[in-house]
Structure formats: C-alpha cells, structure tokens
C-alpha cells in the first residue's frame, strides 16, 4: 500500500509538471513615450503639403523639415515629414515610387529603446516579424504583425529624439474579429507592458456606426500610449474601420470648425457616447481620423 501511495504521488507530481503552463519571464520594457507613437499616413505627393498644412491648422503644432528618402529595405523613394501636434505625432509619406510590400499596411511606428530586444519580445509575445530589422537614414526599423493581422512598425534612432510631451494622448484604434480578439489583447498587453483600463462587452453600437445593438470595446494604456480595441463581426459601414487614430481635444466643435476651414470633410457628425463627444473627419489626401472630447 505504501508503494502504491508513493507511485500515485509521483504520477501526480509528474502530471503537474507536464500540464502546468510554463510562465515566461516578463520581457524588457522597450517603450519610450506616447509622443513617439506616430501614426503612419501615406498620401499622394501632390496632396502632401496640403495634408500637412491641414493637420497643423486643425490641431496646432509644427512639422520637421521635409525631405526625400529611402525608408524601406528595398529600393524606393518617398517624401517624408514628421508632424508634431499637441494631440499626437504623425509620420507622413508621399511615395514617388511604388510602395514596396508590406509598407503602407502598418498603422503606427513605436520608438523602442533597443531594436533587437523589442523584436525578441514581440516574437515571444506572439507577433510575427514580417519585415526583419533594417537600417534607415537615422536608425533601424522593423514591422511586426499581431494576432488578428494588426501591423505595427518598431523604430530606433541612432541619436535619441526629444519630442515635447503631448497635451492629450491619442488612441490607436484597432478593429479585430471575435475569433482573434483575446489573442491580440493578450499579446499586445504583454509586449507593451500595458494594462486593460476597461472591457465593455455592451458598448453602444453607435460608436462603430451601427443603428442599434452593442459591441465589445477594450481600452488599453501603456507607455506607448493608448489603444482602443473594437471587437466586431465586420459588418461595418464606411468609414468605420478606416480610421487609424482617435485624437482627444479640449473643444470638439472648435476643432471641427478649424478642420473644415482647412479643407477637411466631416464624415460622421458629432455624437455623444461612452462619456465623450466624437466625430470622424477626412483630411485632404484621404487620411481619416476620429476626433473626440472627453466629458468632464
């Protein structure tokens, strides 16, 4: 009987060792700051200057010196300019050559402290590295893809940039399917070392253009900035799902007036939901953005 008990204990211990999940040590903190989270915007060269001027007229801020560079690992040529606004940072590209795949499909660029560590952490947290690290004129870049097909660029500068802190932190607006939502949220939160601020499984459907019903909305915060995950069935009316970023402003009506005066079109008029007033606009060149003001 004693031998039988010993054997049972050994079997139980072996089972626990085999079945119990092996926890991965938390990866390095690679994020630098929300002001370095840049939305990537691709516009036609002929719309480039008009688009940048419209952004600055709407949100305020400044733009870096415009240049023409190769920013991909294979031959290409693009106009490039960084736009620094109090509501968020944008990297604007106007390609003079065809855009090499998969560039143009990434939504954001995240500045990281160490490229190799960031790529290793992204892989460990479930991302595919779809463009391996490569040098650019001022540093290194890579593109990763998270579960659900969400592409993001990671970048590192040889000389560390110094951008002013933002007045308000924008939201990376991410649409995913119900099938991949949990995998995406788990992977992205682990990589960003972020936290789920809220998980509303009955958010008003009006926020994604539905006339009725609800959907799941997950808000995430990290050193990279804010993200909001919209979990949908994909039955979306235009332009929902085309907006990459949501910009927080103090006065929505005044901001929309400035946008309209600078050539932007209000696609979705202002409405109230979820403790905020929001609208969707399209800037010259085609860039679509959500703009919102949070209720006090």
Protein backbone atom coordinates (compact mmCIF):
# COMPACT_ATOMS: atom_id res chain seq x y z
CA UNK A 1 0.00 0.00 0.00
CA UNK A 2 2.87 2.35 0.87
CA UNK A 3 4.48 1.71 -2.54
CA UNK A 4 1.14 2.34 -4.23
CA UNK A 5 0.78 5.70 -2.45
CA UNK A 6 4.33 6.66 -3.39
CA UNK A 7 3.66 5.76 -7.02
CA UNK A 8 0.44 7.79 -7.03
CA UNK A 9 2.23 10.81 -5.59
CA UNK A 10 4.95 10.53 -8.19
CA UNK A 11 2.40 10.30 -11.01
CA UNK A 12 0.54 13.33 -9.66
CA UNK A 13 3.75 15.35 -9.44
CA UNK A 14 4.74 14.38 -12.99
CA UNK A 15 1.28 15.32 -14.27
CA UNK A 16 1.50 18.77 -12.65
CA UNK A 17 4.91 19.36 -14.19
CA UNK A 18 3.69 18.37 -17.64
CA UNK A 19 0.28 20.06 -17.57
CA UNK A 20 1.07 23.25 -15.65
CA UNK A 21 1.85 26.14 -18.01
CA UNK A 22 5.37 27.45 -18.01
CA UNK A 23 5.27 31.17 -17.26
CA UNK A 24 7.50 33.28 -19.49
CA UNK A 25 9.64 35.79 -17.69
CA UNK A 26 8.36 39.29 -18.37
CA UNK A 27 10.20 40.84 -21.26
CA UNK A 28 12.10 44.13 -21.21
CA UNK A 29 10.34 47.48 -21.08
CA UNK A 30 11.10 48.80 -24.58
CA UNK A 31 8.65 51.71 -24.90
CA UNK A 32 9.93 55.31 -24.73
CA UNK A 33 6.83 57.50 -24.58
CA UNK A 34 3.45 58.31 -26.12
CA UNK A 35 4.79 61.34 -28.03
CA UNK A 36 6.94 58.89 -30.04
CA UNK A 37 3.94 56.77 -31.11
CA UNK A 38 3.50 58.02 -34.67
CA UNK A 39 0.56 57.31 -36.93
CA UNK A 40 1.84 56.40 -40.40
CA UNK A 41 -0.02 58.27 -43.12
CA UNK A 42 0.53 57.62 -46.83
CA UNK A 43 -0.68 60.32 -49.23
CA UNK A 44 -0.08 61.11 -52.88
CA UNK A 45 2.85 63.51 -53.38
CA UNK A 46 0.54 66.15 -54.87
CA UNK A 47 -1.56 66.12 -51.67
CA UNK A 48 1.39 66.09 -49.27
CA UNK A 49 1.78 69.78 -48.43
CA UNK A 50 -1.96 70.40 -48.30
CA UNK A 51 -2.43 67.50 -45.89
CA UNK A 52 0.34 68.63 -43.52
CA UNK A 53 -0.96 72.21 -43.53
CA UNK A 54 -4.49 70.97 -42.77
CA UNK A 55 -3.30 68.90 -39.81
CA UNK A 56 -1.42 71.80 -38.25
CA UNK A 57 -4.31 74.19 -38.85
CA UNK A 58 -6.63 71.74 -37.09
CA UNK A 59 -4.53 70.64 -34.12
CA UNK A 60 -1.67 73.14 -33.94
CA UNK A 61 1.96 72.09 -33.73
CA UNK A 62 4.93 72.04 -36.06
CA UNK A 63 6.45 69.94 -38.83
CA UNK A 64 10.01 68.80 -39.38
CA UNK A 65 11.95 69.74 -42.48
CA UNK A 66 10.57 67.86 -45.46
CA UNK A 67 12.93 65.53 -47.31
CA UNK A 68 13.05 62.71 -49.83
CA UNK A 69 14.45 59.42 -48.53
CA UNK A 70 14.60 55.66 -48.85
CA UNK A 71 12.83 54.31 -45.77
CA UNK A 72 12.36 50.71 -46.89
CA UNK A 73 14.89 47.83 -47.08
CA UNK A 74 14.45 47.58 -50.85
CA UNK A 75 14.79 50.44 -53.37
CA UNK A 76 12.10 53.13 -53.11
CA UNK A 77 11.82 56.88 -52.75
CA UNK A 78 9.40 58.87 -50.63
CA UNK A 79 8.75 62.38 -49.42
CA UNK A 80 8.78 62.27 -45.63
CA UNK A 81 7.89 64.68 -42.86
CA UNK A 82 7.18 64.40 -39.14
CA UNK A 83 4.21 66.37 -37.81
CA UNK A 84 4.25 67.12 -34.08
CA UNK A 85 0.87 68.25 -32.74
CA UNK A 86 -0.28 68.58 -29.12
CA UNK A 87 -2.81 65.79 -29.82
CA UNK A 88 -0.46 63.29 -31.44
CA UNK A 89 2.51 62.69 -33.73
CA UNK A 90 2.28 61.64 -37.38
CA UNK A 91 4.82 60.35 -39.88
CA UNK A 92 3.70 61.40 -43.36
CA UNK A 93 4.91 59.62 -46.51
CA UNK A 94 4.37 60.59 -50.13
CA UNK A 95 5.97 57.86 -52.23
CA UNK A 96 7.41 58.88 -55.57
CA UNK A 97 7.92 55.21 -56.47
CA UNK A 98 5.60 52.23 -56.00
CA UNK A 99 5.36 51.33 -52.29
CA UNK A 100 7.16 48.03 -51.55
CA UNK A 101 5.05 45.41 -49.77
CA UNK A 102 4.09 45.32 -46.90
CA UNK A 103 4.71 49.03 -46.32
CA UNK A 104 1.56 51.10 -46.26
CA UNK A 105 -0.21 48.42 -44.21
CA UNK A 106 1.38 49.39 -40.89
CA UNK A 107 -0.70 51.71 -38.74
CA UNK A 108 1.85 53.09 -36.32
CA UNK A 109 5.53 53.45 -35.57
CA UNK A 110 6.64 52.83 -31.98
CA UNK A 111 10.00 54.17 -30.80
CA UNK A 112 11.84 51.48 -28.81
CA UNK A 113 14.89 51.64 -26.60
CA UNK A 114 16.57 48.61 -28.16
CA UNK A 115 15.52 47.18 -31.54
CA UNK A 116 16.85 43.66 -31.03
CA UNK A 117 15.27 43.40 -27.57
CA UNK A 118 11.96 44.76 -28.89
CA UNK A 119 11.84 42.31 -31.79
CA UNK A 120 12.67 39.41 -29.50
CA UNK A 121 9.97 40.49 -27.05
CA UNK A 122 7.39 40.88 -29.83
CA UNK A 123 8.14 37.36 -31.08
CA UNK A 124 7.93 35.93 -27.55
CA UNK A 125 4.55 37.64 -27.10
CA UNK A 126 3.03 36.15 -30.25
CA UNK A 127 3.88 38.57 -33.07
CA UNK A 128 5.20 37.67 -36.49
CA UNK A 129 8.16 39.74 -37.68
CA UNK A 130 7.04 40.39 -41.26
CA UNK A 131 9.88 42.84 -42.04
CA UNK A 132 13.13 41.98 -40.30
CA UNK A 133 15.17 44.85 -38.82
CA UNK A 134 16.85 47.02 -41.44
CA UNK A 135 18.78 50.31 -41.40
CA UNK A 136 17.20 53.60 -42.41
CA UNK A 137 18.85 57.03 -42.74
CA UNK A 138 18.61 57.73 -38.99
CA UNK A 139 18.35 54.35 -37.28
CA UNK A 140 16.69 50.94 -37.66
CA UNK A 141 13.15 49.71 -38.34
CA UNK A 142 11.11 46.50 -38.37
CA UNK A 143 7.43 45.63 -38.90
CA UNK A 144 5.60 43.15 -36.71
CA UNK A 145 2.14 41.65 -37.11
CA UNK A 146 0.00 40.82 -34.09
CA UNK A 147 -2.75 38.20 -33.96
CA UNK A 148 -5.69 39.46 -35.98
CA UNK A 149 -3.48 40.91 -38.72
CA UNK A 150 -2.57 44.15 -36.91
CA UNK A 151 0.67 45.57 -38.35
CA UNK A 152 2.89 47.96 -36.41
CA UNK A 153 6.34 49.35 -37.13
CA UNK A 154 9.07 49.47 -34.50
CA UNK A 155 11.79 52.07 -34.90
CA UNK A 156 15.01 53.07 -33.17
CA UNK A 157 17.08 56.22 -33.74
CA UNK A 158 20.86 56.37 -33.67
CA UNK A 159 20.52 59.73 -31.92
CA UNK A 160 17.69 59.66 -29.40
CA UNK A 161 14.92 62.11 -30.41
CA UNK A 162 13.43 64.58 -27.96
CA UNK A 163 9.80 65.47 -28.72
CA UNK A 164 7.67 67.60 -26.39
CA UNK A 165 5.13 65.83 -24.21
CA UNK A 166 1.60 65.68 -25.61
CA UNK A 167 -1.26 67.78 -24.28
CA UNK A 168 -3.57 64.80 -24.85
CA UNK A 169 -2.63 61.22 -25.72
CA UNK A 170 -4.27 59.81 -28.88
CA UNK A 171 -5.79 56.36 -29.22
CA UNK A 172 -4.59 53.68 -31.60
CA UNK A 173 -7.98 52.46 -32.92
CA UNK A 174 -7.81 48.73 -33.67
CA UNK A 175 -10.60 46.64 -35.18
CA UNK A 176 -10.34 42.87 -34.68
CA UNK A 177 -12.62 39.88 -35.07
CA UNK A 178 -14.16 37.95 -32.20
CA UNK A 179 -12.00 34.99 -33.21
CA UNK A 180 -8.70 36.81 -32.65
CA UNK A 181 -9.59 39.44 -30.04
CA UNK A 182 -8.34 37.53 -26.99
CA UNK A 183 -5.09 36.57 -28.68
CA UNK A 184 -4.44 40.13 -29.82
CA UNK A 185 -5.23 41.70 -26.44
CA UNK A 186 -3.11 39.15 -24.57
CA UNK A 187 -0.13 39.59 -26.92
CA UNK A 188 -0.26 43.38 -27.16
CA UNK A 189 -0.72 43.95 -23.43
CA UNK A 190 2.21 41.65 -22.66
CA UNK A 191 4.50 43.33 -25.20
CA UNK A 192 3.58 46.89 -24.23
CA UNK A 193 3.60 46.07 -20.52
CA UNK A 194 0.24 47.78 -20.52
CA UNK A 195 -3.00 47.24 -18.67
CA UNK A 196 -6.63 46.87 -19.64
CA UNK A 197 -8.33 50.06 -18.44
CA UNK A 198 -11.83 48.88 -19.31
CA UNK A 199 -13.52 45.99 -21.08
CA UNK A 200 -17.09 46.88 -22.01
CA UNK A 201 -18.87 43.98 -23.70
CA UNK A 202 -22.01 46.07 -24.22
CA UNK A 203 -20.63 49.32 -25.64
CA UNK A 204 -23.17 51.27 -27.74
CA UNK A 205 -23.14 50.21 -31.38
CA UNK A 206 -23.41 53.84 -32.50
CA UNK A 207 -19.67 54.11 -31.78
CA UNK A 208 -18.96 51.86 -34.77
CA UNK A 209 -21.75 53.14 -36.99
CA UNK A 210 -24.48 50.66 -36.04
CA UNK A 211 -28.04 51.94 -35.75
CA UNK A 212 -28.69 49.63 -32.80
CA UNK A 213 -27.09 46.90 -30.73
CA UNK A 214 -23.81 46.68 -28.87
CA UNK A 215 -20.22 45.58 -29.38
CA UNK A 216 -17.15 44.89 -27.22
CA UNK A 217 -14.79 47.80 -26.57
CA UNK A 218 -11.47 47.30 -24.76
CA UNK A 219 -9.33 50.27 -23.72
CA UNK A 220 -5.61 49.69 -23.07
CA UNK A 221 -2.98 52.04 -21.65
CA UNK A 222 0.80 51.66 -21.68
CA UNK A 223 3.96 53.72 -22.00
CA UNK A 224 3.45 53.51 -25.78
CA UNK A 225 0.18 55.40 -25.34
CA UNK A 226 -3.49 54.48 -25.55
CA UNK A 227 -5.21 51.84 -27.65
CA UNK A 228 -8.88 51.01 -28.07
CA UNK A 229 -9.81 47.60 -29.45
CA UNK A 230 -13.14 47.29 -31.26
CA UNK A 231 -14.28 43.66 -31.41
CA UNK A 232 -16.81 43.39 -34.24
CA UNK A 233 -18.42 41.00 -36.71
CA UNK A 234 -17.05 43.09 -39.56
CA UNK A 235 -20.47 44.39 -40.61
CA UNK A 236 -19.22 47.97 -40.68
CA UNK A 237 -20.42 50.94 -42.67
CA UNK A 238 -17.89 53.31 -44.21
CA UNK A 239 -15.75 54.97 -42.85
CA UNK A 240 -15.63 52.87 -39.65
CA UNK A 241 -12.52 50.72 -39.55
CA UNK A 242 -10.66 53.11 -41.85
CA UNK A 243 -9.69 55.50 -39.05
CA UNK A 244 -6.33 54.57 -37.52
CA UNK A 245 -6.20 57.04 -34.66
CA UNK A 246 -8.53 58.89 -32.33
CA UNK A 247 -7.38 62.37 -31.25
CA UNK A 248 -8.51 63.90 -27.97
CA UNK A 249 -9.15 67.65 -27.99
CA UNK A 250 -10.49 70.12 -25.44
CA UNK A 251 -13.20 71.62 -27.66
CA UNK A 252 -14.62 69.34 -30.34
CA UNK A 253 -16.81 71.95 -32.04
CA UNK A 254 -13.94 74.40 -32.39
CA UNK A 255 -11.61 71.69 -33.68
CA UNK A 256 -14.12 70.53 -36.29
CA UNK A 257 -14.58 74.14 -37.41
CA UNK A 258 -10.82 74.54 -37.86
CA UNK A 259 -10.64 71.23 -39.74
CA UNK A 260 -13.42 72.25 -42.12
CA UNK A 261 -11.73 75.60 -42.68
CA UNK A 262 -8.52 73.76 -43.57
CA UNK A 263 -10.09 71.56 -46.21
CA UNK A 264 -11.18 68.54 -44.15
CA UNK A 265 -14.60 66.91 -44.50
CA UNK A 266 -16.71 65.81 -41.55
CA UNK A 267 -17.78 62.26 -42.46
CA UNK A 268 -19.58 61.44 -39.21
CA UNK A 269 -21.11 64.45 -37.41
CA UNK A 270 -20.52 64.85 -33.69
CA UNK A 271 -22.42 62.48 -31.40
CA UNK A 272 -22.24 61.60 -27.69
CA UNK A 273 -21.46 58.13 -26.32
CA UNK A 274 -19.32 56.47 -23.68
CA UNK A 275 -18.54 59.68 -21.81
CA UNK A 276 -17.31 61.59 -24.83
CA UNK A 277 -18.36 63.58 -27.87
CA UNK A 278 -16.86 62.26 -31.10
CA UNK A 279 -16.80 62.76 -34.85
CA UNK A 280 -14.91 61.33 -37.83
CA UNK A 281 -13.20 63.54 -40.39
CA UNK A 282 -11.28 63.06 -43.62
CA UNK A 283 -8.30 65.32 -44.29
CA UNK A 284 -7.01 66.39 -47.70
CA UNK A 285 -5.21 63.42 -49.23
CA UNK A 286 -7.68 60.91 -47.78
CA UNK A 287 -6.49 60.39 -44.19
CA UNK A 288 -9.44 59.53 -41.92
CA UNK A 289 -9.34 60.21 -38.18
CA UNK A 290 -11.65 60.12 -35.19
CA UNK A 291 -11.64 63.26 -33.03
CA UNK A 292 -13.19 63.33 -29.56
CA UNK A 293 -13.57 65.39 -26.42
CA UNK A 294 -13.98 63.63 -23.06
CA UNK A 295 -16.83 64.75 -20.82
CA UNK A 296 -15.58 66.33 -17.55
